[in-house]
Amino acid sequence: MGRIENNIMVWNLNFSRRIIRTVEIEEFAVLMNALDNFEFDSTSEDEVMWIASKSKEFTVASCYGSVVRRMESSMDQH
C-alpha cells in the first residue's frame, strides 16, 4: 500500500475496478492530496484507530455515518 523512499511516503493503491466516473476521479484526487499532505510522527509508536467512532474501532455503520455526514456537509457548502 505504501512505502518510504528517501524519507518520502510513496503510495501504491490498487483498486478492484477502474475509476471511470468523473466524481470518482475527483474523490481519488482528494484522497491522494490528503495522503500526500499527511505527516508521520516518527517519534511515537504506531496505533490503529478509527476516529469516526467513539470506541475508536472500525464498523461499517460508523464508516457509513461518516460518509453521509461528509456528503451532507459538502452539499450544504454548495
PDB file of N, CA and C in Angstrom:
ATOM      1  N   MET A   1       0.822  -1.196   0.000  1.00  0.00           N
ATOM      2  CA  MET A   1       0.000   0.000   0.000  1.00  0.00           C
ATOM      3  C   MET A   1       0.859   1.248   0.000  1.00  0.00           C
ATOM      4  N   GLY A   2       1.863   1.266   0.822  1.00  0.00           N
ATOM      5  CA  GLY A   2       2.731   2.420   0.852  1.00  0.00           C
ATOM      6  C   GLY A   2       4.093   2.039   1.391  1.00  0.00           C
ATOM      7  N   ARG A   3       5.108   2.796   0.993  1.00  0.00           N
ATOM      8  CA  ARG A   3       6.457   2.550   1.480  1.00  0.00           C
ATOM      9  C   ARG A   3       7.194   3.886   1.562  1.00  0.00           C
ATOM     10  N   ILE A   4       8.242   3.916   2.356  1.00  0.00           N
ATOM     11  CA  ILE A   4       9.029   5.135   2.492  1.00  0.00           C
ATOM     12  C   ILE A   4      10.274   5.017   1.623  1.00  0.00           C
ATOM     13  N   GLU A   5      10.464   6.017   0.765  1.00  0.00           N
ATOM     14  CA  GLU A   5      11.647   6.109  -0.077  1.00  0.00           C
ATOM     15  C   GLU A   5      12.253   7.493   0.115  1.00  0.00           C
ATOM     16  N   ASN A   6      13.522   7.537   0.521  1.00  0.00           N
ATOM     17  CA  ASN A   6      14.210   8.815   0.740  1.00  0.00           C
ATOM     18  C   ASN A   6      13.413   9.740   1.659  1.00  0.00           C
ATOM     19  N   ASN A   7      12.882   9.165   2.745  1.00  0.00           N
ATOM     20  CA  ASN A   7      12.091   9.906   3.737  1.00  0.00           C
ATOM     21  C   ASN A   7      10.789  10.470   3.187  1.00  0.00           C
ATOM     22  N   ILE A   8      10.303   9.936   2.079  1.00  0.00           N
ATOM     23  CA  ILE A   8       9.030  10.352   1.494  1.00  0.00           C
ATOM     24  C   ILE A   8       8.135   9.118   1.372  1.00  0.00           C
ATOM     25  N   MET A   9       6.885   9.257   1.793  1.00  0.00           N
ATOM     26  CA  MET A   9       5.933   8.154   1.675  1.00  0.00           C
ATOM     27  C   MET A   9       5.462   8.061   0.241  1.00  0.00           C
ATOM     28  N   VAL A  10       5.601   6.871  -0.346  1.00  0.00           N
ATOM     29  CA  VAL A  10       5.168   6.620  -1.719  1.00  0.00           C
ATOM     30  C   VAL A  10       3.986   5.663  -1.653  1.00  0.00           C
ATOM     31  N   TRP A  11       2.856   6.094  -2.198  1.00  0.00           N
ATOM     32  CA  TRP A  11       1.633   5.298  -2.130  1.00  0.00           C
ATOM     33  C   TRP A  11       1.447   4.507  -3.411  1.00  0.00           C
ATOM     34  N   ASN A  12       1.052   3.229  -3.267  1.00  0.00           N
ATOM     35  CA  ASN A  12       0.745   2.360  -4.390  1.00  0.00           C
ATOM     36  C   ASN A  12      -0.627   1.753  -4.100  1.00  0.00           C
ATOM     37  N   LEU A  13      -1.659   2.391  -4.627  1.00  0.00           N
ATOM     38  CA  LEU A  13      -3.025   1.953  -4.356  1.00  0.00           C
ATOM     39  C   LEU A  13      -3.545   1.117  -5.521  1.00  0.00           C
ATOM     40  N   ASN A  14      -4.062  -0.056  -5.202  1.00  0.00           N
ATOM     41  CA  ASN A  14      -4.641  -0.932  -6.214  1.00  0.00           C
ATOM     42  C   ASN A  14      -6.139  -1.039  -5.970  1.00  0.00           C
ATOM     43  N   PHE A  15      -6.915  -0.836  -7.014  1.00  0.00           N
ATOM     44  CA  PHE A  15      -8.366  -0.895  -6.905  1.00  0.00           C
ATOM     45  C   PHE A  15      -8.888  -2.122  -7.638  1.00  0.00           C
ATOM     46  N   SER A  16     -10.018  -2.616  -7.203  1.00  0.00           N
ATOM     47  CA  SER A  16     -10.584  -3.817  -7.805  1.00  0.00           C
ATOM     48  C   SER A  16     -11.251  -3.546  -9.154  1.00  0.00           C
ATOM     49  N   ARG A  17     -11.442  -2.281  -9.481  1.00  0.00           N
ATOM     50  CA  ARG A  17     -12.018  -1.919 -10.783  1.00  0.00           C
ATOM     51  C   ARG A  17     -11.466  -0.569 -11.205  1.00  0.00           C
ATOM     52  N   ARG A  18     -11.635  -0.241 -12.469  1.00  0.00           N
ATOM     53  CA  ARG A  18     -11.148   1.039 -12.974  1.00  0.00           C
ATOM     54  C   ARG A  18     -12.000   2.192 -12.474  1.00  0.00           C
ATOM     55  N   ILE A  19     -11.381   3.333 -12.267  1.00  0.00           N
ATOM     56  CA  ILE A  19     -12.097   4.547 -11.902  1.00  0.00           C
ATOM     57  C   ILE A  19     -12.532   5.203 -13.209  1.00  0.00           C
ATOM     58  N   ILE A  20     -13.860   5.277 -13.419  1.00  0.00           N
ATOM     59  CA  ILE A  20     -14.323   5.780 -14.709  1.00  0.00           C
ATOM     60  C   ILE A  20     -15.224   7.006 -14.612  1.00  0.00           C
ATOM     61  N   ARG A  21     -15.872   7.188 -13.495  1.00  0.00           N
ATOM     62  CA  ARG A  21     -16.775   8.332 -13.382  1.00  0.00           C
ATOM     63  C   ARG A  21     -16.010   9.561 -12.909  1.00  0.00           C
ATOM     64  N   THR A  22     -16.424  10.710 -13.367  1.00  0.00           N
ATOM     65  CA  THR A  22     -15.759  11.967 -13.017  1.00  0.00           C
ATOM     66  C   THR A  22     -15.711  12.165 -11.509  1.00  0.00           C
ATOM     67  N   VAL A  23     -16.803  11.872 -10.833  1.00  0.00           N
ATOM     68  CA  VAL A  23     -16.839  12.067  -9.381  1.00  0.00           C
ATOM     69  C   VAL A  23     -15.819  11.156  -8.697  1.00  0.00           C
ATOM     70  N   GLU A  24     -15.613   9.960  -9.223  1.00  0.00           N
ATOM     71  CA  GLU A  24     -14.627   9.053  -8.640  1.00  0.00           C
ATOM     72  C   GLU A  24     -13.210   9.595  -8.827  1.00  0.00           C
ATOM     73  N   ILE A  25     -12.954  10.165  -9.988  1.00  0.00           N
ATOM     74  CA  ILE A  25     -11.638  10.751 -10.256  1.00  0.00           C
ATOM     75  C   ILE A  25     -11.390  11.910  -9.304  1.00  0.00           C
ATOM     76  N   GLU A  26     -12.412  12.735  -9.091  1.00  0.00           N
ATOM     77  CA  GLU A  26     -12.281  13.864  -8.172  1.00  0.00           C
ATOM     78  C   GLU A  26     -12.052  13.382  -6.744  1.00  0.00           C
ATOM     79  N   GLU A  27     -12.783  12.339  -6.333  1.00  0.00           N
ATOM     80  CA  GLU A  27     -12.616  11.798  -4.986  1.00  0.00           C
ATOM     81  C   GLU A  27     -11.233  11.178  -4.821  1.00  0.00           C
ATOM     82  N   PHE A  28     -10.739  10.523  -5.862  1.00  0.00           N
ATOM     83  CA  PHE A  28      -9.399   9.942  -5.824  1.00  0.00           C
ATOM     84  C   PHE A  28      -8.350  11.041  -5.671  1.00  0.00           C
ATOM     85  N   ALA A  29      -8.540  12.153  -6.383  1.00  0.00           N
ATOM     86  CA  ALA A  29      -7.614  13.279  -6.283  1.00  0.00           C
ATOM     87  C   ALA A  29      -7.604  13.831  -4.857  1.00  0.00           C
ATOM     88  N   VAL A  30      -8.770  13.919  -4.223  1.00  0.00           N
ATOM     89  CA  VAL A  30      -8.859  14.396  -2.836  1.00  0.00           C
ATOM     90  C   VAL A  30      -8.125  13.430  -1.904  1.00  0.00           C
ATOM     91  N   LEU A  31      -8.318  12.126  -2.118  1.00  0.00           N
ATOM     92  CA  LEU A  31      -7.643  11.112  -1.307  1.00  0.00           C
ATOM     93  C   LEU A  31      -6.132  11.234  -1.454  1.00  0.00           C
ATOM     94  N   MET A  32      -5.645  11.315  -2.685  1.00  0.00           N
ATOM     95  CA  MET A  32      -4.204  11.406  -2.911  1.00  0.00           C
ATOM     96  C   MET A  32      -3.635  12.681  -2.303  1.00  0.00           C
ATOM     97  N   ASN A  33      -4.364  13.778  -2.386  1.00  0.00           N
ATOM     98  CA  ASN A  33      -3.920  15.030  -1.778  1.00  0.00           C
ATOM     99  C   ASN A  33      -3.816  14.885  -0.259  1.00  0.00           C
ATOM    100  N   ALA A  34      -4.807  14.236   0.334  1.00  0.00           N
ATOM    101  CA  ALA A  34      -4.779  14.021   1.785  1.00  0.00           C
ATOM    102  C   ALA A  34      -3.592  13.144   2.176  1.00  0.00           C
ATOM    103  N   LEU A  35      -3.336  12.096   1.397  1.00  0.00           N
ATOM    104  CA  LEU A  35      -2.204  11.222   1.688  1.00  0.00           C
ATOM    105  C   LEU A  35      -0.872  11.951   1.507  1.00  0.00           C
ATOM    106  N   ASP A  36      -0.770  12.740   0.456  1.00  0.00           N
ATOM    107  CA  ASP A  36       0.467  13.475   0.192  1.00  0.00           C
ATOM    108  C   ASP A  36       0.765  14.505   1.278  1.00  0.00           C
ATOM    109  N   ASN A  37      -0.265  15.059   1.897  1.00  0.00           N
ATOM    110  CA  ASN A  37      -0.078  16.095   2.915  1.00  0.00           C
ATOM    111  C   ASN A  37      -0.008  15.548   4.338  1.00  0.00           C
ATOM    112  N   PHE A  38      -0.153  14.229   4.476  1.00  0.00           N
ATOM    113  CA  PHE A  38      -0.119  13.612   5.800  1.00  0.00           C
ATOM    114  C   PHE A  38       1.316  13.543   6.308  1.00  0.00           C
ATOM    115  N   GLU A  39       1.531  13.947   7.553  1.00  0.00           N
ATOM    116  CA  GLU A  39       2.867  13.893   8.146  1.00  0.00           C
ATOM    117  C   GLU A  39       2.893  12.837   9.244  1.00  0.00           C
ATOM    118  N   PHE A  40       3.856  11.942   9.137  1.00  0.00           N
ATOM    119  CA  PHE A  40       4.027  10.892  10.132  1.00  0.00           C
ATOM    120  C   PHE A  40       4.879  11.405  11.280  1.00  0.00           C
ATOM    121  N   ASP A  41       4.551  10.956  12.480  1.00  0.00           N
ATOM    122  CA  ASP A  41       5.352  11.283  13.660  1.00  0.00           C
ATOM    123  C   ASP A  41       6.231  10.073  13.952  1.00  0.00           C
ATOM    124  N   SER A  42       7.476  10.158  13.587  1.00  0.00           N
ATOM    125  CA  SER A  42       8.380   9.015  13.741  1.00  0.00           C
ATOM    126  C   SER A  42       8.818   8.795  15.192  1.00  0.00           C
ATOM    127  N   THR A  43       8.464   9.701  16.093  1.00  0.00           N
ATOM    128  CA  THR A  43       8.875   9.563  17.492  1.00  0.00           C
ATOM    129  C   THR A  43       7.857   8.811  18.337  1.00  0.00           C
ATOM    130  N   SER A  44       6.672   8.584  17.801  1.00  0.00           N
ATOM    131  CA  SER A  44       5.654   7.890  18.599  1.00  0.00           C
ATOM    132  C   SER A  44       5.398   6.500  18.041  1.00  0.00           C
ATOM    133  N   GLU A  45       4.824   5.669  18.871  1.00  0.00           N
ATOM    134  CA  GLU A  45       4.524   4.294  18.497  1.00  0.00           C
ATOM    135  C   GLU A  45       3.278   4.260  17.611  1.00  0.00           C
ATOM    136  N   ASP A  46       3.270   3.348  16.618  1.00  0.00           N
ATOM    137  CA  ASP A  46       2.115   3.208  15.736  1.00  0.00           C
ATOM    138  C   ASP A  46       0.891   2.745  16.515  1.00  0.00           C
ATOM    139  N   GLU A  47      -0.258   3.261  16.098  1.00  0.00           N
ATOM    140  CA  GLU A  47      -1.510   2.872  16.721  1.00  0.00           C
ATOM    141  C   GLU A  47      -2.594   2.936  15.657  1.00  0.00           C
ATOM    142  N   VAL A  48      -3.426   1.918  15.625  1.00  0.00           N
ATOM    143  CA  VAL A  48      -4.518   1.886  14.667  1.00  0.00           C
ATOM    144  C   VAL A  48      -5.806   2.234  15.396  1.00  0.00           C
ATOM    145  N   MET A  49      -6.493   3.266  14.895  1.00  0.00           N
ATOM    146  CA  MET A  49      -7.775   3.630  15.491  1.00  0.00           C
ATOM    147  C   MET A  49      -8.647   4.291  14.436  1.00  0.00           C
ATOM    148  N   TRP A  50      -9.930   4.167  14.604  1.00  0.00           N
ATOM    149  CA  TRP A  50     -10.924   4.724  13.690  1.00  0.00           C
ATOM    150  C   TRP A  50     -11.547   5.909  14.397  1.00  0.00           C
ATOM    151  N   ILE A  51     -11.196   7.127  13.965  1.00  0.00           N
ATOM    152  CA  ILE A  51     -11.640   8.312  14.690  1.00  0.00           C
ATOM    153  C   ILE A  51     -13.107   8.660  14.439  1.00  0.00           C
ATOM    154  N   ALA A  52     -13.751   7.951  13.506  1.00  0.00           N
ATOM    155  CA  ALA A  52     -15.160   8.230  13.226  1.00  0.00           C
ATOM    156  C   ALA A  52     -16.096   7.559  14.233  1.00  0.00           C
ATOM    157  N   SER A  53     -15.544   6.773  15.157  1.00  0.00           N
ATOM    158  CA  SER A  53     -16.412   6.172  16.174  1.00  0.00           C
ATOM    159  C   SER A  53     -15.849   6.460  17.561  1.00  0.00           C
ATOM    160  N   LYS A  54     -16.724   6.540  18.542  1.00  0.00           N
ATOM    161  CA  LYS A  54     -16.297   6.843  19.912  1.00  0.00           C
ATOM    162  C   LYS A  54     -15.395   5.756  20.481  1.00  0.00           C
ATOM    163  N   SER A  55     -15.640   4.487  20.054  1.00  0.00           N
ATOM    164  CA  SER A  55     -14.832   3.379  20.560  1.00  0.00           C
ATOM    165  C   SER A  55     -13.474   3.281  19.877  1.00  0.00           C
ATOM    166  N   LYS A  56     -13.259   4.069  18.819  1.00  0.00           N
ATOM    167  CA  LYS A  56     -12.030   4.065  18.017  1.00  0.00           C
ATOM    168  C   LYS A  56     -11.850   2.769  17.225  1.00  0.00           C
ATOM    169  N   GLU A  57     -12.931   1.972  17.140  1.00  0.00           N
ATOM    170  CA  GLU A  57     -12.898   0.733  16.364  1.00  0.00           C
ATOM    171  C   GLU A  57     -13.748   0.896  15.121  1.00  0.00           C
ATOM    172  N   PHE A  58     -13.259   0.356  14.004  1.00  0.00           N
ATOM    173  CA  PHE A  58     -13.979   0.469  12.741  1.00  0.00           C
ATOM    174  C   PHE A  58     -15.231  -0.401  12.740  1.00  0.00           C
ATOM    175  N   THR A  59     -16.338   0.187  12.279  1.00  0.00           N
ATOM    176  CA  THR A  59     -17.546  -0.571  11.974  1.00  0.00           C
ATOM    177  C   THR A  59     -18.098  -0.027  10.671  1.00  0.00           C
ATOM    178  N   VAL A  60     -18.841  -0.852   9.959  1.00  0.00           N
ATOM    179  CA  VAL A  60     -19.457  -0.390   8.717  1.00  0.00           C
ATOM    180  C   VAL A  60     -20.412   0.755   9.021  1.00  0.00           C
ATOM    181  N   ALA A  61     -21.123   0.658  10.123  1.00  0.00           N
ATOM    182  CA  ALA A  61     -22.079   1.711  10.487  1.00  0.00           C
ATOM    183  C   ALA A  61     -21.371   3.052  10.721  1.00  0.00           C
ATOM    184  N   SER A  62     -20.225   3.028  11.399  1.00  0.00           N
ATOM    185  CA  SER A  62     -19.511   4.289  11.641  1.00  0.00           C
ATOM    186  C   SER A  62     -18.941   4.845  10.344  1.00  0.00           C
ATOM    187  N   CYS A  63     -18.495   3.976   9.459  1.00  0.00           N
ATOM    188  CA  CYS A  63     -17.982   4.416   8.162  1.00  0.00           C
ATOM    189  C   CYS A  63     -19.103   5.037   7.337  1.00  0.00           C
ATOM    190  N   TYR A  64     -20.241   4.372   7.290  1.00  0.00           N
ATOM    191  CA  TYR A  64     -21.381   4.883   6.541  1.00  0.00           C
ATOM    192  C   TYR A  64     -21.822   6.242   7.104  1.00  0.00           C
ATOM    193  N   GLY A  65     -21.908   6.330   8.417  1.00  0.00           N
ATOM    194  CA  GLY A  65     -22.298   7.591   9.044  1.00  0.00           C
ATOM    195  C   GLY A  65     -21.322   8.709   8.718  1.00  0.00           C
ATOM    196  N   SER A  66     -20.036   8.393   8.703  1.00  0.00           N
ATOM    197  CA  SER A  66     -19.019   9.383   8.377  1.00  0.00           C
ATOM    198  C   SER A  66     -19.161   9.862   6.933  1.00  0.00           C
ATOM    199  N   VAL A  67     -19.392   8.935   6.023  1.00  0.00           N
ATOM    200  CA  VAL A  67     -19.560   9.292   4.608  1.00  0.00           C
ATOM    201  C   VAL A  67     -20.798  10.163   4.423  1.00  0.00           C
ATOM    202  N   VAL A  68     -21.898   9.783   5.057  1.00  0.00           N
ATOM    203  CA  VAL A  68     -23.146  10.547   4.935  1.00  0.00           C
ATOM    204  C   VAL A  68     -22.953  11.957   5.485  1.00  0.00           C
ATOM    205  N   ARG A  69     -22.302  12.084   6.638  1.00  0.00           N
ATOM    206  CA  ARG A  69     -22.066  13.416   7.220  1.00  0.00           C
ATOM    207  C   ARG A  69     -21.212  14.273   6.297  1.00  0.00           C
ATOM    208  N   ARG A  70     -20.196  13.681   5.701  1.00  0.00           N
ATOM    209  CA  ARG A  70     -19.337  14.444   4.783  1.00  0.00           C
ATOM    210  C   ARG A  70     -20.102  14.860   3.534  1.00  0.00           C
ATOM    211  N   MET A  71     -20.940  13.982   3.034  1.00  0.00           N
ATOM    212  CA  MET A  71     -21.730  14.320   1.849  1.00  0.00           C
ATOM    213  C   MET A  71     -22.706  15.439   2.168  1.00  0.00           C
ATOM    214  N   GLU A  72     -23.356  15.347   3.316  1.00  0.00           N
ATOM    215  CA  GLU A  72     -24.305  16.387   3.716  1.00  0.00           C
ATOM    216  C   GLU A  72     -23.584  17.716   3.907  1.00  0.00           C
ATOM    217  N   SER A  73     -22.409  17.685   4.516  1.00  0.00           N
ATOM    218  CA  SER A  73     -21.622  18.888   4.718  1.00  0.00           C
ATOM    219  C   SER A  73     -21.194  19.488   3.382  1.00  0.00           C
ATOM    220  N   SER A  74     -20.801  18.637   2.474  1.00  0.00           N
ATOM    221  CA  SER A  74     -20.390  19.100   1.142  1.00  0.00           C
ATOM    222  C   SER A  74     -21.563  19.718   0.398  1.00  0.00           C
ATOM    223  N   MET A  75     -22.740  19.129   0.533  1.00  0.00           N
ATOM    224  CA  MET A  75     -23.925  19.639  -0.158  1.00  0.00           C
ATOM    225  C   MET A  75     -24.350  20.979   0.450  1.00  0.00           C
ATOM    226  N   ASP A  76     -24.155  21.152   1.762  1.00  0.00           N
ATOM    227  CA  ASP A  76     -24.508  22.412   2.430  1.00  0.00           C
ATOM    228  C   ASP A  76     -23.623  23.562   1.946  1.00  0.00           C
ATOM    229  N   GLN A  77     -22.397  23.254   1.557  1.00  0.00           N
ATOM    230  CA  GLN A  77     -21.455  24.273   1.121  1.00  0.00           C
ATOM    231  C   GLN A  77     -21.704  24.731  -0.312  1.00  0.00           C
ATOM    232  N   HIS A  78     -22.465  23.958  -1.075  1.00  0.00           N
ATOM    233  CA  HIS A  78     -22.697  24.310  -2.489  1.00  0.00           C
ATOM    234  C   HIS A  78     -24.015  24.994  -2.691  1.00  0.00           C
TER     235      HIS A  78
END
